[in-house]
Protein backbone atom coordinates (compact mmCIF):
# COMPACT_ATOMS: atom_id res chain seq x y z
CA MET A 1 -14.91 2.39 -5.52
CA LYS A 2 -11.12 2.43 -5.65
CA TYR A 3 -9.01 -0.50 -6.87
CA MET A 4 -5.26 -0.82 -7.22
CA ILE A 5 -3.86 -2.52 -10.32
CA LEU A 6 -0.46 -3.97 -9.37
CA ILE A 7 1.98 -4.69 -12.22
CA TYR A 8 4.47 -7.54 -11.77
CA SER A 9 7.29 -8.19 -14.22
CA ASP A 10 10.65 -9.90 -14.47
CA GLU A 11 13.28 -7.17 -14.10
CA ALA A 12 15.99 -9.34 -15.69
CA ALA A 13 13.84 -10.00 -18.76
CA TRP A 14 13.01 -6.30 -19.04
CA ALA A 15 16.70 -5.38 -18.84
CA ALA A 16 17.56 -7.97 -21.50
CA MET A 17 15.07 -6.54 -24.02
CA ALA A 18 16.38 -4.85 -27.11
CA PRO A 19 16.13 -1.05 -26.77
CA ALA A 20 13.54 -0.87 -29.57
CA ASP A 21 11.37 -3.50 -27.84
CA ARG A 22 11.69 -1.71 -24.50
CA ASP A 23 10.71 1.59 -26.17
CA GLN A 24 7.69 -0.10 -27.74
CA ALA A 25 6.64 -1.52 -24.35
CA MET A 26 7.02 1.87 -22.68
CA GLY A 27 4.95 3.40 -25.47
CA ALA A 28 2.18 0.91 -24.70
CA TYR A 29 2.25 1.95 -21.04
CA MET A 30 2.16 5.65 -21.99
CA ALA A 31 -0.84 5.07 -24.27
CA TYR A 32 -2.62 3.04 -21.56
CA SER A 33 -1.92 5.75 -18.97
CA LYS A 34 -3.24 8.45 -21.31
CA THR A 35 -6.42 6.49 -22.09
CA LEU A 36 -7.01 5.72 -18.42
CA ALA A 37 -6.47 9.38 -17.44
CA GLN A 38 -8.76 10.64 -20.21
CA SER A 39 -11.49 8.27 -19.00
CA GLY A 40 -11.49 10.07 -15.65
CA LYS A 41 -10.95 6.77 -13.84
CA MET A 42 -7.25 7.16 -12.98
CA VAL A 43 -6.49 8.40 -9.46
CA SER A 44 -2.73 7.86 -9.65
CA GLY A 45 -0.06 5.55 -10.99
CA SER A 46 3.67 5.18 -10.97
CA GLN A 47 6.61 3.03 -11.96
CA LEU A 48 8.52 1.79 -8.91
CA ALA A 49 12.27 1.70 -8.26
CA PRO A 50 14.05 -1.63 -8.89
CA ALA A 51 13.23 -4.34 -6.35
CA GLY A 52 16.86 -4.49 -5.25
CA THR A 53 16.43 -1.09 -3.61
CA ALA A 54 13.40 -2.23 -1.57
CA LYS A 55 13.23 -2.62 2.18
CA SER A 56 10.85 -4.94 4.06
CA VAL A 57 9.64 -3.87 7.50
CA THR A 58 8.10 -6.20 10.08
CA VAL A 59 7.15 -5.48 13.66
CA ARG A 60 6.89 -8.59 15.79
CA GLY A 61 8.12 -7.47 19.16
CA ALA A 62 10.93 -5.27 17.83
CA ALA A 63 10.82 -3.54 14.44
CA ARG A 64 12.99 -5.12 11.76
CA VAL A 65 14.03 -3.72 8.37
CA VAL A 66 15.34 -6.11 5.73
CA ASP A 67 16.79 -5.33 2.28
CA GLY A 68 15.04 -7.01 -0.60
CA PRO A 69 11.86 -7.32 -2.58
CA TYR A 70 8.44 -7.05 -1.06
CA VAL A 71 7.29 -10.68 -0.97
CA ASP A 72 8.52 -14.04 -2.22
CA THR A 73 7.55 -13.94 -5.90
CA LYS A 74 9.11 -14.82 -9.24
CA GLU A 75 8.36 -11.36 -10.61
CA GLU A 76 8.93 -7.98 -9.01
CA LEU A 77 6.27 -5.37 -8.31
CA GLY A 78 7.17 -2.75 -10.88
CA GLY A 79 4.35 -0.25 -10.73
CA TYR A 80 0.70 0.42 -10.08
CA TYR A 81 -2.40 2.27 -11.12
CA LEU A 82 -5.04 3.39 -8.62
CA VAL A 83 -8.41 3.63 -10.34
CA ASP A 84 -11.79 4.87 -9.16
CA VAL A 85 -14.44 2.80 -10.92
CA ALA A 86 -18.03 1.71 -10.44
CA ASP A 87 -17.32 -1.88 -9.46
CA GLU A 88 -14.94 -4.85 -9.58
CA ALA A 89 -15.99 -5.74 -13.13
CA GLU A 90 -14.89 -2.33 -14.41
CA ALA A 91 -11.61 -2.60 -12.47
CA LEU A 92 -10.97 -6.00 -14.07
CA ASP A 93 -11.69 -4.58 -17.53
CA TRP A 94 -9.01 -1.91 -16.98
CA ALA A 95 -6.60 -4.50 -15.57
CA LYS A 96 -7.02 -6.67 -18.68
CA LYS A 97 -6.04 -3.68 -20.85
CA CYS A 98 -2.86 -2.96 -18.84
CA PRO A 99 0.27 -3.78 -20.90
CA GLY A 100 1.72 -5.62 -17.90
CA ALA A 101 -0.92 -8.33 -18.31
CA ALA A 102 0.70 -9.31 -21.61
CA HIS A 103 4.33 -9.66 -20.43
CA GLY A 104 4.15 -10.25 -16.67
CA GLY A 105 1.18 -10.29 -14.40
CA VAL A 106 -1.40 -7.86 -13.12
CA GLU A 107 -3.10 -8.25 -9.78
């Protein structure tokens, strides 16, 4: 069964991090990605562009495109992992290991 792990973080806090701290955080993501890939459970994953570049599309009568983040949240959706696991419990185990769970939120 496929599950998507969505990573939310505060872009301003990330940008304000010292370069060494940001490098350490990126290293944690790289290690997590490698472990997930080696497990055979990773289908795909990617970092997303900054939320300020996002567009929102709604179609209620006429289509409408609006600049801005995806939904009204305090954090921005910064990336994802798509995993193929046996069940929800296994998906939650992987989500708990995601570095984003320690500094933002993982859904």
